[in-house]
Amino acid sequence: MAKVRALVLERQHELALRDVDLPLETGPGQVKIRIHTVGVCGSDVHYYTHGRIGPFVVKEPMVLGHEAAGTVVEVGEGVTHLKAGDRVCMEPGIPDPNSKASRLGMYNVDPAVTFWATPPVHGVLTPEVVHPANYSFKLPDNVSFAEGAMVEPFAVGMQAAAKAKIAPGDTAVVVGAGPIGTMVAIAALAGGCARAIVADLAQPKLDIAAQYQGVIPVNVREKNLTDEVRRLTDGWGADVIFECSGSPKAWETIMDLARPGGVIVAVGLPVNPIGFDVSTASTKEIRIETVFRYAHQYERSIALLGSGRVDLKPLISETFKFEDSIKAFDRAVEARPTDVKLQIVME
C-alpha cells in the first residue's frame, strides 16, 4: 500500500482531497498507469448526492472516478503488448475470467465483477493506479487523453448499437440527449443508421447533439415525438428505439415509435419498475434488448476514434485541474443543460 492524494467521497454530500492508502504494487499481468484525464460520470455524481445506486451503498470512504486515460509507467511480469510510455485508456470493470458469464463472453454481467468507483472498490481520481494489462488499451497517436477518457461512456453507446443489430440505412430514435443518449446516437450513426431522431426537453442539449450529421433534434416540449416519428417515416415507425432517459413516462408511448418488427433498446435505468405494454409489443413483434455497461467494445470504440469517423471532442464541456476536483463535481451537480462531459486533468 502507498499513501497517495485522491478525491475521496467520505460519505453522502461530502468530498475531500486528501491522502489515502491505495495498492500500487505492479503484479504479474498488470500495468501501473500515471493518470492524465478522468471524466466526471453521472454515477460518480449520484454517489455524491445520494450515497447509493440501487444495492451499491457508500458505507466507507471511496475514491471516485472510472472514465480515465493515462500513460503506462511500469509493466508487470508476462505483459508483452504494452510498455512504459504507451498512452492507454482503461476498461474499469474487472470480471472473474473463470466465471460462467465470462466464459459465455458476457463478462459485463459477471456478478463478481469489480468496477472502479462502485462501492467498495476505489476509483481512479488519484495520480497513479495499477490495472490488469488485458483491460488497458493503447491509444492511437491521433487520439488525445481527453478523447481516451471518453471511450468508457462511448462504449455504452457502442454496446447499445451492437445490441440493436442495426442494418445500413436504419432510422433510429434516441429518447434523452444526455451524455449517454448523445453517444448512443453517435454510435448508431457510426453503426449504419442513416439518421437518428434525438428527443429531449432541453434545447441546449439538442443543439449539441445536432452538431452531428444525421441527427434530427426534437424538442418534446414543443412537438409530439410520436407524431414527428410518423411524419419522418411516412407513418411506418422507426427501426430502432434507444430509451436513454430512464424516465418511466417514456415507456408509456414508446411502442408507438417503433415500426412492426422494430427493436427497443433499454439503456436508461428507471429508479422504479415501469408499466410495459405487452399487447402492442406482441402485435408489432417488437424486439426488446437491454444494456448493462458494455463488453468487447473498447477496441471498436478506439478504432472509430482513431479513424476520424467519430469525434467526441465537441462533447467535452469544461476541464478542471485535479486540485479543483470538488468544484468539478459541484458543477456536475448543477446539471447545466449546456454541459455534456466535464473532465479533470491530473497533470
Protein backbone atom coordinates (compact mmCIF):
# COMPACT_ATOMS: atom_id res chain seq x y z
CA MET A 1 0.00 0.00 0.00
CA ALA A 2 1.09 3.56 -0.68
CA LYS A 3 -0.24 6.83 0.67
CA VAL A 4 -1.37 9.00 -2.27
CA ARG A 5 -3.57 12.03 -2.82
CA ALA A 6 -7.06 11.29 -4.14
CA LEU A 7 -10.57 12.68 -4.43
CA VAL A 8 -12.46 10.79 -1.72
CA LEU A 9 -16.19 10.55 -1.22
CA GLU A 10 -16.23 10.44 2.58
CA ARG A 11 -19.97 9.98 2.79
CA GLN A 12 -23.08 11.31 1.05
CA HIS A 13 -22.66 15.05 0.27
CA GLU A 14 -19.04 15.15 1.50
CA LEU A 15 -15.96 15.15 -0.76
CA ALA A 16 -12.33 15.64 0.27
CA LEU A 17 -8.98 15.89 -1.50
CA ARG A 18 -6.70 14.02 0.88
CA ASP A 19 -4.11 11.30 1.24
CA VAL A 20 -5.38 7.72 1.23
CA ASP A 21 -3.75 4.28 1.22
CA LEU A 22 -4.07 2.52 -2.14
CA PRO A 23 -2.39 -0.61 -3.56
CA LEU A 24 0.30 0.37 -6.08
CA GLU A 25 2.42 -2.76 -6.47
CA THR A 26 2.55 -3.94 -10.08
CA GLY A 27 1.92 -7.68 -10.12
CA PRO A 28 2.06 -10.24 -12.96
CA GLY A 29 -0.23 -9.31 -15.84
CA GLN A 30 -0.67 -5.77 -14.54
CA VAL A 31 0.47 -2.30 -15.53
CA LYS A 32 0.96 0.83 -13.48
CA ILE A 33 -0.57 3.88 -15.14
CA ARG A 34 0.02 7.57 -14.49
CA ILE A 35 -3.46 9.05 -14.80
CA HIS A 36 -3.82 12.06 -17.08
CA THR A 37 -7.57 12.69 -17.61
CA VAL A 38 -10.66 11.49 -15.75
CA GLY A 39 -14.26 12.15 -16.79
CA VAL A 40 -16.98 13.03 -14.28
CA CYS A 41 -19.71 10.43 -14.75
CA GLY A 42 -23.33 10.61 -13.70
CA SER A 43 -22.85 7.58 -11.45
CA ASP A 44 -20.00 9.35 -9.60
CA VAL A 45 -22.27 12.33 -9.10
CA HIS A 46 -25.15 10.10 -7.97
CA TYR A 47 -22.99 8.52 -5.27
CA TYR A 48 -22.04 12.04 -4.17
CA THR A 49 -25.63 13.28 -3.98
CA HIS A 50 -27.49 10.10 -2.96
CA GLY A 51 -24.87 7.87 -1.36
CA ARG A 52 -26.05 4.83 -3.27
CA ILE A 53 -27.14 3.39 -6.61
CA GLY A 54 -29.54 0.51 -6.13
CA PRO A 55 -27.83 -2.13 -3.98
CA PHE A 56 -24.44 -0.35 -4.13
CA VAL A 57 -24.18 1.77 -0.99
CA VAL A 58 -21.29 4.00 0.10
CA LYS A 59 -20.56 2.65 3.58
CA GLU A 60 -16.94 3.83 3.88
CA PRO A 61 -14.73 6.42 2.14
CA MET A 62 -14.28 5.70 -1.58
CA VAL A 63 -12.10 7.26 -4.29
CA LEU A 64 -14.26 8.40 -7.21
CA GLY A 65 -13.69 8.26 -10.98
CA HIS A 66 -13.80 5.50 -13.61
CA GLU A 67 -13.55 7.20 -17.03
CA ALA A 68 -9.81 7.52 -17.46
CA ALA A 69 -6.76 7.67 -19.71
CA GLY A 70 -3.08 7.90 -18.90
CA THR A 71 0.46 6.66 -19.56
CA VAL A 72 1.94 3.28 -18.67
CA VAL A 73 4.91 3.78 -16.32
CA GLU A 74 5.59 0.17 -15.33
CA VAL A 75 4.66 -3.28 -16.64
CA GLY A 76 4.35 -6.48 -14.65
CA GLU A 77 5.66 -9.92 -15.43
CA GLY A 78 4.15 -11.51 -18.53
CA VAL A 79 2.90 -8.27 -20.10
CA THR A 80 4.07 -8.11 -23.71
CA HIS A 81 1.55 -5.93 -25.59
CA LEU A 82 2.21 -2.77 -23.55
CA LYS A 83 5.35 -0.97 -22.46
CA ALA A 84 6.31 2.05 -20.40
CA GLY A 85 5.41 5.22 -22.29
CA ASP A 86 2.33 3.79 -24.01
CA ARG A 87 -0.74 6.00 -23.83
CA VAL A 88 -3.79 3.99 -22.78
CA CYS A 89 -7.38 4.11 -21.66
CA MET A 90 -8.69 1.54 -19.24
CA GLU A 91 -11.84 -0.53 -19.02
CA PRO A 92 -12.91 -0.08 -15.39
CA GLY A 93 -14.69 -3.39 -14.83
CA ILE A 94 -12.64 -6.47 -13.97
CA PRO A 95 -14.56 -9.77 -14.12
CA ASP A 96 -13.63 -13.21 -12.89
CA PRO A 97 -12.18 -14.76 -16.08
CA ASN A 98 -13.37 -18.20 -14.98
CA SER A 99 -16.98 -17.21 -14.27
CA LYS A 100 -19.76 -18.64 -16.40
CA ALA A 101 -20.67 -15.14 -17.64
CA SER A 102 -17.09 -14.50 -18.73
CA ARG A 103 -16.83 -17.86 -20.47
CA LEU A 104 -20.03 -17.02 -22.35
CA GLY A 105 -18.48 -13.69 -23.43
CA MET A 106 -20.87 -11.68 -21.24
CA TYR A 107 -18.27 -10.61 -18.71
CA ASN A 108 -20.08 -7.32 -18.05
CA VAL A 109 -22.87 -9.19 -16.23
CA ASP A 110 -20.50 -11.31 -14.15
CA PRO A 111 -21.78 -10.94 -10.55
CA ALA A 112 -18.17 -11.00 -9.36
CA VAL A 113 -17.05 -8.05 -11.48
CA THR A 114 -15.18 -5.30 -9.62
CA PHE A 115 -15.79 -1.86 -11.11
CA TRP A 116 -13.89 1.32 -10.31
CA ALA A 117 -15.78 3.74 -8.04
CA THR A 118 -18.53 1.24 -7.28
CA PRO A 119 -18.67 0.54 -3.53
CA PRO A 120 -16.46 -0.76 -2.03
CA VAL A 121 -14.00 -0.50 -4.98
CA HIS A 122 -11.86 2.63 -5.22
CA GLY A 123 -11.83 4.68 -8.42
CA VAL A 124 -9.02 6.49 -10.22
CA LEU A 125 -9.10 10.17 -9.27
CA THR A 126 -5.55 9.79 -7.98
CA PRO A 127 -2.15 10.20 -9.69
CA GLU A 128 -1.38 6.51 -10.34
CA VAL A 129 -3.27 3.23 -10.48
CA VAL A 130 -2.46 -0.43 -11.09
CA HIS A 131 -4.73 -2.26 -13.53
CA PRO A 132 -4.83 -5.53 -15.49
CA ALA A 133 -2.95 -5.13 -18.77
CA ASN A 134 -5.70 -7.01 -20.63
CA TYR A 135 -8.17 -4.26 -19.72
CA SER A 136 -5.79 -1.44 -20.70
CA PHE A 137 -5.92 -0.36 -24.35
CA LYS A 138 -3.31 1.54 -26.31
CA LEU A 139 -4.46 4.82 -27.84
CA PRO A 140 -3.57 5.81 -31.41
CA ASP A 141 -1.23 8.79 -31.69
CA ASN A 142 -4.04 10.96 -33.06
CA VAL A 143 -6.38 10.27 -30.10
CA SER A 144 -5.87 12.60 -27.13
CA PHE A 145 -6.06 11.70 -23.44
CA ALA A 146 -9.33 13.66 -23.27
CA GLU A 147 -10.81 11.51 -26.02
CA GLY A 148 -9.36 8.40 -24.42
CA ALA A 149 -11.25 9.19 -21.23
CA MET A 150 -14.43 9.42 -23.31
CA VAL A 151 -14.10 5.83 -24.53
CA GLU A 152 -15.79 4.48 -21.38
CA PRO A 153 -19.13 6.28 -21.86
CA PHE A 154 -18.91 5.86 -25.64
CA ALA A 155 -18.58 2.10 -25.11
CA VAL A 156 -22.09 2.17 -23.61
CA GLY A 157 -23.35 3.67 -26.86
CA MET A 158 -21.45 1.06 -28.82
CA GLN A 159 -22.98 -1.71 -26.72
CA ALA A 160 -26.45 -0.30 -27.38
CA ALA A 161 -25.80 -0.08 -31.12
CA ALA A 162 -24.48 -3.64 -31.18
CA LYS A 163 -27.50 -4.98 -29.26
CA ALA A 164 -29.82 -3.22 -31.73
CA LYS A 165 -28.33 -5.18 -34.68
CA ILE A 166 -28.52 -2.09 -36.88
CA ALA A 167 -28.90 -2.56 -40.62
CA PRO A 168 -27.43 0.03 -43.02
CA GLY A 169 -29.91 2.83 -43.64
CA ASP A 170 -31.95 2.30 -40.47
CA THR A 171 -33.75 5.16 -38.76
CA ALA A 172 -33.13 5.41 -35.03
CA VAL A 173 -34.91 7.31 -32.29
CA VAL A 174 -32.92 8.25 -29.19
CA VAL A 175 -35.01 9.32 -26.20
CA GLY A 176 -32.83 11.52 -24.00
CA ALA A 177 -29.98 13.78 -25.12
CA GLY A 178 -27.79 13.50 -22.06
CA PRO A 179 -24.16 12.33 -22.36
CA ILE A 180 -25.13 8.68 -22.90
CA GLY A 181 -28.04 9.46 -25.23
CA THR A 182 -25.85 11.65 -27.42
CA MET A 183 -23.13 8.99 -27.55
CA VAL A 184 -25.73 6.34 -28.37
CA ALA A 185 -26.84 8.49 -31.31
CA ILE A 186 -23.23 8.88 -32.49
CA ALA A 187 -22.65 5.13 -32.18
CA ALA A 188 -25.89 4.34 -34.01
CA LEU A 189 -24.89 6.60 -36.91
CA ALA A 190 -21.41 5.09 -37.00
CA GLY A 191 -23.02 1.64 -36.95
CA GLY A 192 -25.04 2.28 -40.11
CA CYS A 193 -28.11 4.31 -39.21
CA ALA A 194 -28.92 6.92 -41.86
CA ARG A 195 -30.41 9.26 -39.26
CA ALA A 196 -31.03 9.49 -35.53
CA ILE A 197 -34.06 11.37 -34.25
CA VAL A 198 -32.93 12.65 -30.82
CA ALA A 199 -35.62 13.78 -28.38
CA ASP A 200 -35.26 15.77 -25.18
CA LEU A 201 -36.83 18.55 -23.12
CA ALA A 202 -33.69 20.71 -23.04
CA GLN A 203 -32.94 22.66 -26.22
CA PRO A 204 -29.25 23.27 -25.34
CA LYS A 205 -28.63 19.51 -25.20
CA LEU A 206 -30.41 19.05 -28.52
CA ASP A 207 -28.28 21.82 -30.05
CA ILE A 208 -25.13 19.95 -29.02
CA ALA A 209 -26.40 16.65 -30.45
CA ALA A 210 -27.48 18.40 -33.65
CA GLN A 211 -23.84 19.25 -34.43
CA TYR A 212 -23.50 15.69 -35.69
CA GLN A 213 -24.54 14.97 -39.26
CA GLY A 214 -27.57 12.70 -39.33
CA VAL A 215 -29.06 13.89 -36.03
CA ILE A 216 -32.59 15.28 -36.18
CA PRO A 217 -33.40 17.07 -32.90
CA VAL A 218 -36.94 17.07 -31.49
CA ASN A 219 -37.83 19.23 -28.52
CA VAL A 220 -40.68 17.34 -26.87
CA ARG A 221 -41.83 20.48 -25.08
CA GLU A 222 -42.78 21.85 -28.48
CA LYS A 223 -43.55 18.78 -30.60
CA ASN A 224 -45.15 15.40 -30.09
CA LEU A 225 -42.44 12.79 -30.61
CA THR A 226 -44.79 10.09 -31.91
CA ASP A 227 -46.23 12.48 -34.50
CA GLU A 228 -42.73 13.55 -35.58
CA VAL A 229 -41.54 9.96 -35.99
CA ARG A 230 -44.63 9.09 -38.01
CA ARG A 231 -44.12 12.16 -40.18
CA LEU A 232 -40.46 11.41 -40.80
CA THR A 233 -41.09 7.71 -41.56
CA ASP A 234 -44.28 8.10 -43.62
CA GLY A 235 -46.30 6.50 -40.84
CA TRP A 236 -44.17 3.32 -40.67
CA GLY A 237 -42.20 3.97 -37.48
CA ALA A 238 -38.50 3.85 -36.65
CA ASP A 239 -36.36 0.74 -36.99
CA VAL A 240 -34.57 1.19 -33.68
CA ILE A 241 -35.59 2.98 -30.48
CA PHE A 242 -32.98 3.70 -27.81
CA GLU A 243 -34.51 4.70 -24.48
CA CYS A 244 -31.74 6.68 -22.73
CA SER A 245 -33.65 8.98 -20.40
CA GLY A 246 -34.52 6.49 -17.67
CA SER A 247 -37.91 8.19 -17.41
CA PRO A 248 -40.89 5.90 -16.72
CA LYS A 249 -43.03 8.29 -18.77
CA ALA A 250 -41.02 7.45 -21.89
CA TRP A 251 -42.32 3.88 -21.75
CA GLU A 252 -45.96 4.98 -21.85
CA THR A 253 -45.79 5.65 -25.61
CA ILE A 254 -42.53 4.06 -26.68
CA MET A 255 -44.23 1.20 -28.53
CA ASP A 256 -45.85 3.78 -30.83
CA LEU A 257 -42.42 4.88 -32.07
CA ALA A 258 -41.26 1.51 -33.38
CA ARG A 259 -42.15 0.02 -36.74
CA PRO A 260 -43.53 -3.53 -36.91
CA GLY A 261 -40.60 -5.84 -36.28
CA GLY A 262 -38.52 -2.99 -34.86
CA VAL A 263 -36.37 -3.07 -31.75
CA ILE A 264 -36.35 -1.13 -28.49
CA VAL A 265 -33.06 -0.96 -26.60
CA ALA A 266 -33.38 -0.03 -22.92
CA VAL A 267 -30.30 1.98 -21.96
CA GLY A 268 -31.59 4.35 -19.28
CA LEU A 269 -32.41 2.83 -15.89
CA PRO A 270 -35.69 3.90 -14.25
CA VAL A 271 -35.46 4.07 -10.46
CA ASN A 272 -38.64 2.03 -10.01
CA PRO A 273 -40.36 -0.72 -12.04
CA ILE A 274 -42.35 0.54 -15.03
CA GLY A 275 -45.53 -0.43 -16.82
CA PHE A 276 -44.95 -2.38 -20.02
CA ASP A 277 -47.35 -2.54 -22.99
CA VAL A 278 -47.02 -6.23 -23.84
CA SER A 279 -50.02 -6.21 -26.19
CA THR A 280 -48.58 -3.62 -28.58
CA ALA A 281 -45.13 -5.16 -28.36
CA SER A 282 -46.63 -8.52 -29.31
CA THR A 283 -48.89 -7.36 -32.13
CA LYS A 284 -45.99 -5.46 -33.70
CA GLU A 285 -43.47 -8.20 -32.82
CA ILE A 286 -41.14 -5.62 -31.32
CA ARG A 287 -37.86 -7.00 -30.05
CA ILE A 288 -36.67 -5.74 -26.66
CA GLU A 289 -32.97 -5.54 -25.79
CA THR A 290 -31.24 -4.32 -22.63
CA VAL A 291 -27.82 -2.86 -21.93
CA PHE A 292 -25.67 -3.09 -18.83
CA ARG A 293 -22.38 -1.26 -19.30
CA TYR A 294 -20.57 -2.99 -22.21
CA ALA A 295 -18.48 -5.96 -23.26
CA HIS A 296 -15.85 -6.17 -26.04
CA GLN A 297 -16.44 -2.54 -27.09
CA TYR A 298 -13.23 -0.73 -26.16
CA GLU A 299 -11.15 -1.75 -29.16
CA ARG A 300 -14.02 -0.97 -31.54
CA SER A 301 -14.58 2.43 -29.91
CA ILE A 302 -10.89 3.32 -30.09
CA ALA A 303 -10.75 2.20 -33.73
CA LEU A 304 -13.59 4.58 -34.63
CA LEU A 305 -11.92 7.46 -32.81
CA GLY A 306 -8.59 6.72 -34.47
CA SER A 307 -10.17 6.54 -37.92
CA GLY A 308 -11.66 10.01 -37.55
CA ARG A 309 -15.18 8.72 -38.21
CA VAL A 310 -16.20 9.61 -34.66
CA ASP A 311 -15.28 12.91 -32.97
CA LEU A 312 -16.20 13.17 -29.30
CA LYS A 313 -14.31 16.40 -28.60
CA PRO A 314 -17.41 18.62 -29.05
CA LEU A 315 -18.96 16.84 -26.05
CA ILE A 316 -16.26 17.97 -23.61
CA SER A 317 -17.81 20.99 -21.92
CA GLU A 318 -15.07 22.04 -19.49
CA THR A 319 -11.82 20.75 -18.00
CA PHE A 320 -10.78 21.21 -14.36
CA LYS A 321 -7.46 20.80 -12.58
CA PHE A 322 -7.13 17.95 -10.06
CA GLU A 323 -6.99 20.49 -7.22
CA ASP A 324 -10.38 21.77 -8.39
CA SER A 325 -12.00 18.33 -8.42
CA ILE A 326 -14.60 19.22 -5.79
CA LYS A 327 -15.55 22.27 -7.85
CA ALA A 328 -15.94 19.99 -10.89
CA PHE A 329 -18.33 17.72 -9.00
CA ASP A 330 -20.35 20.62 -7.65
CA ARG A 331 -20.63 21.91 -11.22
CA ALA A 332 -21.84 18.47 -12.32
CA VAL A 333 -24.48 18.50 -9.57
CA GLU A 334 -25.87 21.71 -11.12
CA ALA A 335 -26.73 19.67 -14.25
CA ARG A 336 -26.43 22.65 -16.57
CA PRO A 337 -28.24 21.92 -19.84
CA THR A 338 -25.19 23.15 -21.77
CA ASP A 339 -22.89 20.60 -20.07
CA VAL A 340 -22.31 17.18 -21.59
CA LYS A 341 -19.00 15.94 -20.19
CA LEU A 342 -16.81 17.55 -17.53
CA GLN A 343 -13.27 16.27 -17.17
CA ILE A 344 -10.48 16.52 -14.61
CA VAL A 345 -6.82 16.67 -15.67
CA MET A 346 -4.40 15.21 -13.17
CA GLU A 347 -1.13 16.55 -14.63
